[in-house]
């Protein structure tokens, strides 16, 4: 599968262990190379378009002369959107608790934007999933924060962790998208790249 990629040296520009695990699980061999990029976006940009925009900015942080002709760069960004607000990575424990309380008993959206880029071509897309949380009790929120330390995750949670097992009552869309990489859509993109 994906033998069309054999001519490329694939770079995943992400420190996320979840994205690395998912891309590896797709059977893709890659190297990790990251650059710090500001996560700023135009204020007028619709929230659902922010992750696609940010994934493209992460890709463009690598200048053309930094990517040899045989390189294929994959960048990604995931946001959690609840009640018209983007919930990024929590700043501290209080912020994580605030986010989890906000998500409790509600449906929110997780949107992941991906950019795939070579010397000849750039493709960007975004995938949206809807996630519904059951009502979370305070001791459940405390337990999750203390045991799982969700400070590196948008919206202060990982669907693949304890909170996903006991707190998520519904999912519409891709589970892996919520984890951080829309694997089916990325596979389709890579297949025809």
N, C-alpha and C. Protein backbone atom coordinates (compact mmCIF):
# COMPACT_ATOMS: atom_id res chain seq x y z
N UNK A 1 0.84 -1.19 0.00
CA UNK A 1 0.00 0.00 0.00
C UNK A 1 0.89 1.25 0.00
N UNK A 2 0.37 2.32 -0.56
CA UNK A 2 1.07 3.60 -0.62
C UNK A 2 2.46 3.50 -1.26
N UNK A 3 2.63 2.57 -2.21
CA UNK A 3 3.93 2.40 -2.87
C UNK A 3 4.31 3.65 -3.66
N UNK A 4 3.31 4.49 -3.99
CA UNK A 4 3.60 5.75 -4.68
C UNK A 4 4.46 6.69 -3.84
N UNK A 5 4.53 6.43 -2.53
CA UNK A 5 5.32 7.29 -1.63
C UNK A 5 6.78 6.85 -1.54
N UNK A 6 7.12 5.73 -2.17
CA UNK A 6 8.48 5.19 -2.04
C UNK A 6 9.55 6.17 -2.52
N UNK A 7 9.17 7.07 -3.42
CA UNK A 7 10.16 8.03 -3.95
C UNK A 7 10.41 9.18 -2.97
N UNK A 8 9.62 9.26 -1.89
CA UNK A 8 9.74 10.37 -0.95
C UNK A 8 10.42 9.97 0.36
N UNK A 9 11.11 10.94 0.91
CA UNK A 9 11.59 10.87 2.29
C UNK A 9 10.52 11.63 3.09
N UNK A 10 9.76 10.93 3.92
CA UNK A 10 8.60 11.54 4.57
C UNK A 10 8.98 12.14 5.92
N UNK A 11 8.54 13.36 6.13
CA UNK A 11 8.77 14.09 7.39
C UNK A 11 7.42 14.36 8.05
N UNK A 12 7.29 13.99 9.30
CA UNK A 12 6.14 14.39 10.11
C UNK A 12 6.61 15.51 11.02
N UNK A 13 6.04 16.69 10.85
CA UNK A 13 6.44 17.83 11.67
C UNK A 13 5.51 17.92 12.88
N UNK A 14 5.67 16.96 13.80
CA UNK A 14 4.82 16.94 15.00
C UNK A 14 5.53 16.21 16.13
N UNK A 15 5.48 16.82 17.32
CA UNK A 15 6.03 16.17 18.51
C UNK A 15 5.00 15.26 19.17
N UNK A 16 3.77 15.27 18.67
CA UNK A 16 2.69 14.51 19.30
C UNK A 16 2.93 13.00 19.18
N UNK A 17 3.06 12.31 20.32
CA UNK A 17 3.24 10.85 20.25
C UNK A 17 2.02 10.16 19.65
N UNK A 18 0.83 10.77 19.78
CA UNK A 18 -0.37 10.18 19.21
C UNK A 18 -0.34 10.25 17.69
N UNK A 19 0.06 11.39 17.13
CA UNK A 19 0.16 11.49 15.66
C UNK A 19 1.20 10.53 15.13
N UNK A 20 2.32 10.44 15.84
CA UNK A 20 3.39 9.53 15.41
C UNK A 20 2.88 8.08 15.41
N UNK A 21 2.17 7.71 16.46
CA UNK A 21 1.62 6.35 16.56
C UNK A 21 0.63 6.07 15.43
N UNK A 22 -0.22 7.04 15.12
CA UNK A 22 -1.24 6.85 14.09
C UNK A 22 -0.62 6.74 12.70
N UNK A 23 0.36 7.59 12.41
CA UNK A 23 1.00 7.53 11.09
C UNK A 23 1.78 6.22 10.93
N UNK A 24 2.44 5.82 12.01
CA UNK A 24 3.16 4.52 12.00
C UNK A 24 2.16 3.38 11.78
N UNK A 25 1.00 3.47 12.44
CA UNK A 25 -0.03 2.45 12.32
C UNK A 25 -0.61 2.36 10.91
N UNK A 26 -0.47 3.44 10.14
CA UNK A 26 -0.92 3.44 8.75
C UNK A 26 0.11 2.77 7.83
N UNK A 27 1.26 2.38 8.41
CA UNK A 27 2.29 1.72 7.61
C UNK A 27 3.22 2.70 6.90
N UNK A 28 3.27 3.94 7.39
CA UNK A 28 4.12 4.96 6.77
C UNK A 28 5.41 5.09 7.57
N UNK A 29 6.55 5.02 6.87
CA UNK A 29 7.85 5.27 7.50
C UNK A 29 8.16 6.75 7.40
N UNK A 30 8.62 7.34 8.48
CA UNK A 30 8.85 8.78 8.49
C UNK A 30 9.92 9.16 9.50
N UNK A 31 10.36 10.38 9.36
CA UNK A 31 11.30 10.99 10.30
C UNK A 31 10.56 12.16 10.94
N UNK A 32 10.93 12.54 12.15
CA UNK A 32 10.29 13.67 12.82
C UNK A 32 11.22 14.87 12.75
N UNK A 33 10.67 15.98 12.32
CA UNK A 33 11.41 17.23 12.25
C UNK A 33 10.40 18.33 12.56
N UNK A 34 10.66 19.13 13.57
CA UNK A 34 9.68 20.15 13.96
C UNK A 34 10.31 21.53 13.98
N UNK A 35 9.45 22.52 13.87
CA UNK A 35 9.83 23.93 14.00
C UNK A 35 8.79 24.58 14.89
N UNK A 36 9.24 25.48 15.74
CA UNK A 36 8.29 26.23 16.56
C UNK A 36 7.61 27.26 15.66
N UNK A 37 6.29 27.24 15.65
CA UNK A 37 5.54 28.23 14.87
C UNK A 37 4.44 28.82 15.76
N UNK A 38 4.23 30.13 15.66
CA UNK A 38 3.17 30.74 16.47
C UNK A 38 1.81 30.23 16.01
N UNK A 39 0.91 30.03 16.96
CA UNK A 39 -0.42 29.51 16.61
C UNK A 39 -1.41 30.67 16.54
N UNK A 40 -1.06 31.68 15.74
CA UNK A 40 -1.92 32.84 15.54
C UNK A 40 -2.73 32.65 14.27
N UNK A 41 -3.93 33.20 14.28
CA UNK A 41 -4.77 33.13 13.09
C UNK A 41 -5.62 34.39 13.02
N UNK A 42 -6.07 34.75 11.81
CA UNK A 42 -6.89 35.96 11.68
C UNK A 42 -8.17 35.86 12.50
N UNK A 43 -8.51 36.92 13.19
CA UNK A 43 -9.69 36.93 14.08
C UNK A 43 -10.98 36.64 13.33
N UNK A 44 -11.04 37.02 12.05
CA UNK A 44 -12.29 36.84 11.28
C UNK A 44 -12.42 35.43 10.69
N UNK A 45 -11.39 34.60 10.86
CA UNK A 45 -11.42 33.25 10.29
C UNK A 45 -12.46 32.40 11.02
N UNK A 46 -13.38 31.73 10.30
CA UNK A 46 -14.34 30.84 10.97
C UNK A 46 -13.58 29.76 11.76
N UNK A 47 -14.07 29.44 12.95
CA UNK A 47 -13.35 28.53 13.85
C UNK A 47 -13.04 27.18 13.19
N UNK A 48 -13.96 26.65 12.39
CA UNK A 48 -13.74 25.36 11.73
C UNK A 48 -12.57 25.40 10.73
N UNK A 49 -12.20 26.61 10.30
CA UNK A 49 -11.11 26.74 9.32
C UNK A 49 -9.75 26.97 9.97
N UNK A 50 -9.73 27.21 11.27
CA UNK A 50 -8.48 27.51 11.98
C UNK A 50 -7.47 26.37 11.88
N UNK A 51 -7.84 25.09 12.11
CA UNK A 51 -6.83 24.03 12.06
C UNK A 51 -6.18 23.86 10.69
N UNK A 52 -6.97 24.00 9.63
CA UNK A 52 -6.41 23.90 8.28
C UNK A 52 -5.42 25.04 8.04
N UNK A 53 -5.80 26.24 8.45
CA UNK A 53 -4.94 27.42 8.34
C UNK A 53 -3.62 27.20 9.11
N UNK A 54 -3.75 26.72 10.36
CA UNK A 54 -2.56 26.52 11.18
C UNK A 54 -1.66 25.40 10.64
N UNK A 55 -2.27 24.35 10.10
CA UNK A 55 -1.45 23.27 9.53
C UNK A 55 -0.66 23.78 8.33
N UNK A 56 -1.26 24.67 7.54
CA UNK A 56 -0.56 25.26 6.40
C UNK A 56 0.57 26.19 6.88
N UNK A 57 0.32 26.97 7.94
CA UNK A 57 1.37 27.84 8.48
C UNK A 57 2.55 27.00 9.00
N UNK A 58 2.24 25.88 9.64
CA UNK A 58 3.30 24.99 10.13
C UNK A 58 4.12 24.45 8.96
N UNK A 59 3.45 24.15 7.85
CA UNK A 59 4.14 23.64 6.66
C UNK A 59 5.02 24.73 6.05
N UNK A 60 4.47 25.94 5.93
CA UNK A 60 5.20 27.03 5.29
C UNK A 60 6.37 27.54 6.14
N UNK A 61 6.42 27.14 7.42
CA UNK A 61 7.57 27.48 8.27
C UNK A 61 8.84 26.82 7.73
N UNK A 62 8.66 25.72 6.98
CA UNK A 62 9.79 25.07 6.31
C UNK A 62 9.93 25.72 4.93
N UNK A 63 10.99 26.47 4.72
CA UNK A 63 11.20 27.15 3.44
C UNK A 63 11.50 26.12 2.35
N UNK A 64 11.22 26.51 1.10
CA UNK A 64 11.43 25.59 -0.03
C UNK A 64 12.83 25.01 -0.06
N UNK A 65 13.84 25.85 0.25
CA UNK A 65 15.23 25.35 0.19
C UNK A 65 15.57 24.40 1.34
N UNK A 66 14.67 24.29 2.32
CA UNK A 66 14.88 23.35 3.42
C UNK A 66 14.28 21.98 3.12
N UNK A 67 13.50 21.91 2.04
CA UNK A 67 12.86 20.65 1.66
C UNK A 67 13.39 20.20 0.30
N UNK A 68 14.31 19.25 0.29
CA UNK A 68 14.79 18.73 -1.00
C UNK A 68 13.63 18.16 -1.82
N UNK A 69 13.87 18.00 -3.10
CA UNK A 69 12.83 17.59 -4.04
C UNK A 69 12.17 16.27 -3.67
N UNK A 70 12.90 15.39 -2.99
CA UNK A 70 12.33 14.07 -2.67
C UNK A 70 11.68 14.02 -1.28
N UNK A 71 11.45 15.18 -0.67
CA UNK A 71 10.83 15.22 0.66
C UNK A 71 9.32 15.40 0.55
N UNK A 72 8.62 14.78 1.48
CA UNK A 72 7.17 14.96 1.62
C UNK A 72 6.92 15.33 3.08
N UNK A 73 6.36 16.49 3.30
CA UNK A 73 6.16 17.04 4.64
C UNK A 73 4.70 16.94 5.03
N UNK A 74 4.43 16.43 6.24
CA UNK A 74 3.07 16.34 6.77
C UNK A 74 3.00 17.18 8.05
N UNK A 75 2.09 18.14 8.06
CA UNK A 75 1.86 18.96 9.26
C UNK A 75 0.39 18.88 9.63
N UNK A 76 0.10 19.14 10.90
CA UNK A 76 -1.27 18.97 11.37
C UNK A 76 -1.54 19.86 12.57
N UNK A 77 -2.82 20.19 12.77
CA UNK A 77 -3.24 20.94 13.95
C UNK A 77 -4.66 20.52 14.31
N UNK A 78 -4.90 20.31 15.59
CA UNK A 78 -6.23 19.89 16.07
C UNK A 78 -6.76 20.93 17.05
N UNK A 79 -8.03 21.29 16.89
CA UNK A 79 -8.67 22.18 17.86
C UNK A 79 -9.97 21.57 18.35
N UNK A 80 -10.31 21.91 19.57
CA UNK A 80 -11.59 21.54 20.18
C UNK A 80 -12.42 22.82 20.23
N UNK A 81 -13.64 22.75 19.70
CA UNK A 81 -14.52 23.92 19.66
C UNK A 81 -15.77 23.61 20.48
N UNK A 82 -16.00 24.44 21.50
CA UNK A 82 -17.17 24.27 22.37
C UNK A 82 -17.79 25.64 22.62
N UNK A 83 -19.07 25.74 22.36
CA UNK A 83 -19.81 26.99 22.60
C UNK A 83 -19.13 28.19 21.96
N UNK A 84 -18.66 28.02 20.72
CA UNK A 84 -18.06 29.13 19.99
C UNK A 84 -16.68 29.54 20.45
N UNK A 85 -16.02 28.68 21.23
CA UNK A 85 -14.67 28.99 21.73
C UNK A 85 -13.73 27.86 21.37
N UNK A 86 -12.52 28.23 20.94
CA UNK A 86 -11.49 27.21 20.71
C UNK A 86 -10.82 26.91 22.04
N UNK A 87 -10.83 25.64 22.41
CA UNK A 87 -10.15 25.21 23.63
C UNK A 87 -8.80 24.61 23.22
N UNK A 88 -7.74 25.33 23.49
CA UNK A 88 -6.40 24.84 23.16
C UNK A 88 -5.87 23.96 24.26
N UNK A 89 -4.56 23.90 24.37
CA UNK A 89 -3.94 23.14 25.46
C UNK A 89 -4.08 23.96 26.74
N UNK A 90 -4.46 23.32 27.83
CA UNK A 90 -4.66 24.07 29.07
C UNK A 90 -3.35 24.65 29.60
N UNK A 91 -3.45 25.86 30.17
CA UNK A 91 -2.27 26.53 30.71
C UNK A 91 -1.81 25.90 32.02
N UNK A 92 -2.78 25.40 32.79
CA UNK A 92 -2.46 24.82 34.09
C UNK A 92 -3.64 23.95 34.54
N UNK A 93 -3.58 23.47 35.77
CA UNK A 93 -4.61 22.57 36.28
C UNK A 93 -5.99 23.23 36.30
N UNK A 94 -6.04 24.49 36.74
CA UNK A 94 -7.33 25.20 36.81
C UNK A 94 -7.95 25.34 35.43
N UNK A 95 -7.11 25.62 34.43
CA UNK A 95 -7.60 25.77 33.07
C UNK A 95 -8.12 24.44 32.53
N UNK A 96 -7.41 23.34 32.84
CA UNK A 96 -7.86 22.01 32.43
C UNK A 96 -9.21 21.69 33.06
N UNK A 97 -9.37 22.02 34.33
CA UNK A 97 -10.63 21.78 35.03
C UNK A 97 -11.76 22.61 34.42
N UNK A 98 -11.48 23.87 34.10
CA UNK A 98 -12.47 24.76 33.47
C UNK A 98 -12.94 24.15 32.15
N UNK A 99 -11.99 23.67 31.33
CA UNK A 99 -12.34 23.10 30.02
C UNK A 99 -13.19 21.85 30.18
N UNK A 100 -12.81 20.96 31.07
CA UNK A 100 -13.55 19.72 31.26
C UNK A 100 -14.96 19.99 31.79
N UNK A 101 -15.09 20.99 32.66
CA UNK A 101 -16.42 21.38 33.14
C UNK A 101 -17.26 21.92 31.99
N UNK A 102 -16.61 22.67 31.11
CA UNK A 102 -17.30 23.24 29.95
C UNK A 102 -17.79 22.14 29.00
N UNK A 103 -16.98 21.08 28.83
CA UNK A 103 -17.33 19.99 27.92
C UNK A 103 -18.38 19.04 28.52
N UNK A 104 -18.45 18.99 29.84
CA UNK A 104 -19.33 18.07 30.54
C UNK A 104 -20.79 18.22 30.12
N UNK A 105 -21.40 17.10 29.71
CA UNK A 105 -22.82 17.09 29.36
C UNK A 105 -23.16 17.75 28.04
N UNK A 106 -22.13 18.05 27.23
CA UNK A 106 -22.38 18.76 25.96
C UNK A 106 -21.73 18.04 24.79
N UNK A 107 -22.16 18.43 23.59
CA UNK A 107 -21.51 17.99 22.36
C UNK A 107 -20.59 19.12 21.88
N UNK A 108 -19.37 18.75 21.56
CA UNK A 108 -18.42 19.73 21.02
C UNK A 108 -17.85 19.18 19.71
N UNK A 109 -17.07 19.99 19.03
CA UNK A 109 -16.51 19.60 17.74
C UNK A 109 -14.99 19.54 17.86
N UNK A 110 -14.42 18.54 17.23
CA UNK A 110 -12.97 18.44 17.11
C UNK A 110 -12.65 18.52 15.62
N UNK A 111 -11.81 19.47 15.26
CA UNK A 111 -11.43 19.65 13.86
C UNK A 111 -9.92 19.52 13.76
N UNK A 112 -9.48 18.65 12.86
CA UNK A 112 -8.05 18.50 12.60
C UNK A 112 -7.77 18.93 11.17
N UNK A 113 -6.80 19.83 11.04
CA UNK A 113 -6.35 20.26 9.73
C UNK A 113 -5.03 19.58 9.41
N UNK A 114 -4.84 19.20 8.16
CA UNK A 114 -3.61 18.52 7.73
C UNK A 114 -3.14 19.17 6.44
N UNK A 115 -1.83 19.36 6.32
CA UNK A 115 -1.22 19.81 5.08
C UNK A 115 -0.15 18.80 4.67
N UNK A 116 -0.22 18.37 3.42
CA UNK A 116 0.76 17.46 2.83
C UNK A 116 1.45 18.25 1.73
N UNK A 117 2.79 18.33 1.78
CA UNK A 117 3.50 19.21 0.86
C UNK A 117 4.77 18.56 0.33
N UNK A 118 4.97 18.69 -0.97
CA UNK A 118 6.23 18.30 -1.60
C UNK A 118 6.73 19.53 -2.37
N UNK A 119 7.83 19.38 -3.08
CA UNK A 119 8.37 20.50 -3.85
C UNK A 119 7.40 20.93 -4.94
N UNK A 120 6.59 19.99 -5.45
CA UNK A 120 5.71 20.30 -6.59
C UNK A 120 4.28 20.65 -6.18
N UNK A 121 3.86 20.27 -4.99
CA UNK A 121 2.43 20.30 -4.72
C UNK A 121 2.15 20.46 -3.22
N UNK A 122 1.03 21.12 -2.90
CA UNK A 122 0.58 21.26 -1.51
C UNK A 122 -0.91 20.96 -1.47
N UNK A 123 -1.32 20.09 -0.53
CA UNK A 123 -2.74 19.81 -0.33
C UNK A 123 -3.06 20.01 1.15
N UNK A 124 -4.14 20.74 1.42
CA UNK A 124 -4.60 20.93 2.80
C UNK A 124 -6.06 20.54 2.89
N UNK A 125 -6.43 19.97 4.03
CA UNK A 125 -7.83 19.61 4.27
C UNK A 125 -8.10 19.61 5.76
N UNK A 126 -9.37 19.57 6.12
CA UNK A 126 -9.76 19.49 7.53
C UNK A 126 -10.89 18.48 7.67
N UNK A 127 -10.91 17.81 8.81
CA UNK A 127 -11.95 16.83 9.12
C UNK A 127 -12.55 17.20 10.48
N UNK A 128 -13.89 17.11 10.56
CA UNK A 128 -14.59 17.48 11.79
C UNK A 128 -15.30 16.25 12.36
N UNK A 129 -15.19 16.08 13.66
CA UNK A 129 -15.91 15.03 14.39
C UNK A 129 -16.68 15.69 15.53
N UNK A 130 -17.83 15.13 15.87
CA UNK A 130 -18.63 15.63 16.99
C UNK A 130 -18.52 14.65 18.14
N UNK A 131 -18.20 15.18 19.31
CA UNK A 131 -18.00 14.34 20.50
C UNK A 131 -18.96 14.80 21.59
N UNK A 132 -19.67 13.85 22.20
CA UNK A 132 -20.59 14.17 23.29
C UNK A 132 -20.07 13.58 24.59
N UNK A 133 -19.96 14.44 25.58
CA UNK A 133 -19.57 14.00 26.92
C UNK A 133 -20.82 13.79 27.78
N UNK A 134 -20.80 12.77 28.60
CA UNK A 134 -21.80 12.62 29.65
C UNK A 134 -21.51 13.69 30.70
N UNK A 135 -22.42 13.87 31.65
CA UNK A 135 -22.15 14.78 32.77
C UNK A 135 -20.98 14.21 33.57
N UNK A 136 -19.95 15.01 33.77
CA UNK A 136 -18.79 14.57 34.55
C UNK A 136 -18.91 15.08 35.97
N UNK A 137 -18.67 14.20 36.93
CA UNK A 137 -18.68 14.60 38.33
C UNK A 137 -17.32 15.21 38.67
N UNK A 138 -17.29 16.05 39.70
CA UNK A 138 -16.06 16.74 40.06
C UNK A 138 -14.93 15.75 40.40
N UNK A 139 -15.27 14.65 41.09
CA UNK A 139 -14.21 13.69 41.44
C UNK A 139 -13.68 12.97 40.19
N UNK A 140 -14.49 12.84 39.16
CA UNK A 140 -14.03 12.24 37.90
C UNK A 140 -13.07 13.19 37.18
N UNK A 141 -13.41 14.47 37.18
CA UNK A 141 -12.52 15.47 36.58
C UNK A 141 -11.19 15.49 37.33
N UNK A 142 -11.25 15.51 38.65
CA UNK A 142 -10.03 15.52 39.48
C UNK A 142 -9.18 14.29 39.21
N UNK A 143 -9.82 13.12 39.19
CA UNK A 143 -9.09 11.87 38.94
C UNK A 143 -8.37 11.92 37.60
N UNK A 144 -9.09 12.35 36.57
CA UNK A 144 -8.51 12.37 35.23
C UNK A 144 -7.31 13.31 35.17
N UNK A 145 -7.46 14.51 35.69
CA UNK A 145 -6.36 15.49 35.65
C UNK A 145 -5.16 14.96 36.43
N UNK A 146 -5.40 14.40 37.61
CA UNK A 146 -4.29 13.91 38.44
C UNK A 146 -3.58 12.70 37.82
N UNK A 147 -4.33 11.79 37.24
CA UNK A 147 -3.73 10.55 36.74
C UNK A 147 -3.26 10.62 35.29
N UNK A 148 -3.85 11.49 34.48
CA UNK A 148 -3.51 11.50 33.05
C UNK A 148 -2.79 12.77 32.59
N UNK A 149 -2.74 13.80 33.45
CA UNK A 149 -1.99 15.01 33.13
C UNK A 149 -2.24 15.49 31.70
N UNK A 150 -3.46 15.89 31.36
CA UNK A 150 -3.80 16.20 29.96
C UNK A 150 -3.39 17.60 29.49
N UNK A 151 -2.21 18.05 29.91
CA UNK A 151 -1.81 19.43 29.63
C UNK A 151 -1.24 19.63 28.23
N UNK A 152 -1.00 18.54 27.51
CA UNK A 152 -0.47 18.66 26.14
C UNK A 152 -1.55 18.37 25.11
N UNK A 153 -2.82 18.42 25.54
CA UNK A 153 -3.92 18.05 24.64
C UNK A 153 -4.93 19.18 24.51
N UNK A 154 -5.34 19.44 23.28
CA UNK A 154 -6.40 20.43 23.03
C UNK A 154 -7.65 20.01 23.78
N UNK A 155 -8.29 20.97 24.45
CA UNK A 155 -9.51 20.67 25.18
C UNK A 155 -9.28 19.93 26.48
N UNK A 156 -8.02 19.72 26.84
CA UNK A 156 -7.64 19.07 28.10
C UNK A 156 -8.07 17.62 28.21
N UNK A 157 -8.20 16.93 27.07
CA UNK A 157 -8.52 15.51 27.17
C UNK A 157 -7.99 14.74 25.96
N UNK A 158 -7.77 13.45 26.19
CA UNK A 158 -7.43 12.52 25.12
C UNK A 158 -8.50 11.45 25.06
N UNK A 159 -9.13 11.28 23.91
CA UNK A 159 -10.22 10.32 23.77
C UNK A 159 -9.76 8.90 24.04
N UNK A 160 -8.47 8.63 23.84
CA UNK A 160 -7.92 7.29 24.01
C UNK A 160 -7.54 7.00 25.47
N UNK A 161 -7.79 7.94 26.37
CA UNK A 161 -7.44 7.78 27.78
C UNK A 161 -8.69 7.49 28.63
N UNK A 162 -8.49 7.40 29.93
CA UNK A 162 -9.54 7.05 30.88
C UNK A 162 -10.83 7.85 30.65
N UNK A 163 -10.69 9.15 30.44
CA UNK A 163 -11.88 10.00 30.26
C UNK A 163 -12.69 9.57 29.04
N UNK A 164 -12.00 9.09 28.01
CA UNK A 164 -12.70 8.61 26.83
C UNK A 164 -13.46 7.33 27.10
N UNK A 165 -12.88 6.48 27.94
CA UNK A 165 -13.54 5.21 28.28
C UNK A 165 -14.84 5.44 29.06
N UNK A 166 -14.79 6.37 30.02
CA UNK A 166 -15.92 6.52 30.95
C UNK A 166 -16.77 7.77 30.73
N UNK A 167 -16.24 8.76 30.01
CA UNK A 167 -16.94 10.04 29.93
C UNK A 167 -17.59 10.36 28.60
N UNK A 168 -17.17 9.69 27.54
CA UNK A 168 -17.72 10.03 26.22
C UNK A 168 -18.91 9.14 25.93
N UNK A 169 -20.05 9.78 25.72
CA UNK A 169 -21.29 9.02 25.49
C UNK A 169 -21.65 8.93 24.02
N UNK A 170 -21.00 9.73 23.18
CA UNK A 170 -21.32 9.67 21.75
C UNK A 170 -20.20 10.23 20.89
N UNK A 171 -20.09 9.69 19.68
CA UNK A 171 -19.09 10.17 18.72
C UNK A 171 -19.68 10.06 17.32
N UNK A 172 -19.61 11.15 16.61
CA UNK A 172 -20.05 11.16 15.22
C UNK A 172 -18.84 11.59 14.39
N UNK A 173 -18.33 10.67 13.59
CA UNK A 173 -17.14 10.98 12.80
C UNK A 173 -16.00 10.06 13.18
N UNK A 174 -14.78 10.50 12.91
CA UNK A 174 -13.58 9.67 13.08
C UNK A 174 -13.00 9.76 14.48
N UNK A 175 -12.87 8.60 15.12
CA UNK A 175 -12.21 8.50 16.43
C UNK A 175 -10.78 9.00 16.32
N UNK A 176 -10.07 8.57 15.24
CA UNK A 176 -8.66 8.93 15.10
C UNK A 176 -8.48 10.42 14.84
N UNK A 177 -9.47 11.04 14.22
CA UNK A 177 -9.44 12.49 14.05
C UNK A 177 -9.41 13.18 15.41
N UNK A 178 -10.21 12.68 16.34
CA UNK A 178 -10.25 13.26 17.69
C UNK A 178 -8.92 13.01 18.39
N UNK A 179 -8.29 11.89 18.09
CA UNK A 179 -6.96 11.59 18.66
C UNK A 179 -5.88 12.51 18.10
N UNK A 180 -6.12 13.08 16.91
CA UNK A 180 -5.15 14.04 16.37
C UNK A 180 -4.76 13.88 14.92
N UNK A 181 -5.28 12.83 14.25
CA UNK A 181 -4.94 12.65 12.84
C UNK A 181 -6.08 11.92 12.13
N UNK A 182 -6.71 12.56 11.14
CA UNK A 182 -7.81 11.90 10.42
C UNK A 182 -7.23 10.86 9.45
N UNK A 183 -6.99 9.67 9.94
CA UNK A 183 -6.21 8.67 9.21
C UNK A 183 -6.82 8.28 7.86
N UNK A 184 -8.13 8.11 7.80
CA UNK A 184 -8.76 7.71 6.54
C UNK A 184 -8.56 8.77 5.47
N UNK A 185 -8.85 10.02 5.81
CA UNK A 185 -8.71 11.12 4.85
C UNK A 185 -7.24 11.30 4.46
N UNK A 186 -6.32 11.17 5.42
CA UNK A 186 -4.90 11.30 5.12
C UNK A 186 -4.45 10.16 4.20
N UNK A 187 -4.92 8.96 4.45
CA UNK A 187 -4.59 7.80 3.60
C UNK A 187 -5.04 8.07 2.16
N UNK A 188 -6.27 8.56 2.02
CA UNK A 188 -6.78 8.86 0.67
C UNK A 188 -5.92 9.93 -0.02
N UNK A 189 -5.53 10.93 0.74
CA UNK A 189 -4.69 12.01 0.19
C UNK A 189 -3.33 11.47 -0.24
N UNK A 190 -2.70 10.67 0.63
CA UNK A 190 -1.37 10.12 0.31
C UNK A 190 -1.43 9.17 -0.87
N UNK A 191 -2.51 8.42 -0.98
CA UNK A 191 -2.67 7.43 -2.05
C UNK A 191 -2.64 8.07 -3.43
N UNK A 192 -3.15 9.29 -3.51
CA UNK A 192 -3.24 9.97 -4.81
C UNK A 192 -2.21 11.09 -4.95
N UNK A 193 -1.33 11.23 -3.98
CA UNK A 193 -0.41 12.37 -4.00
C UNK A 193 0.64 12.21 -5.09
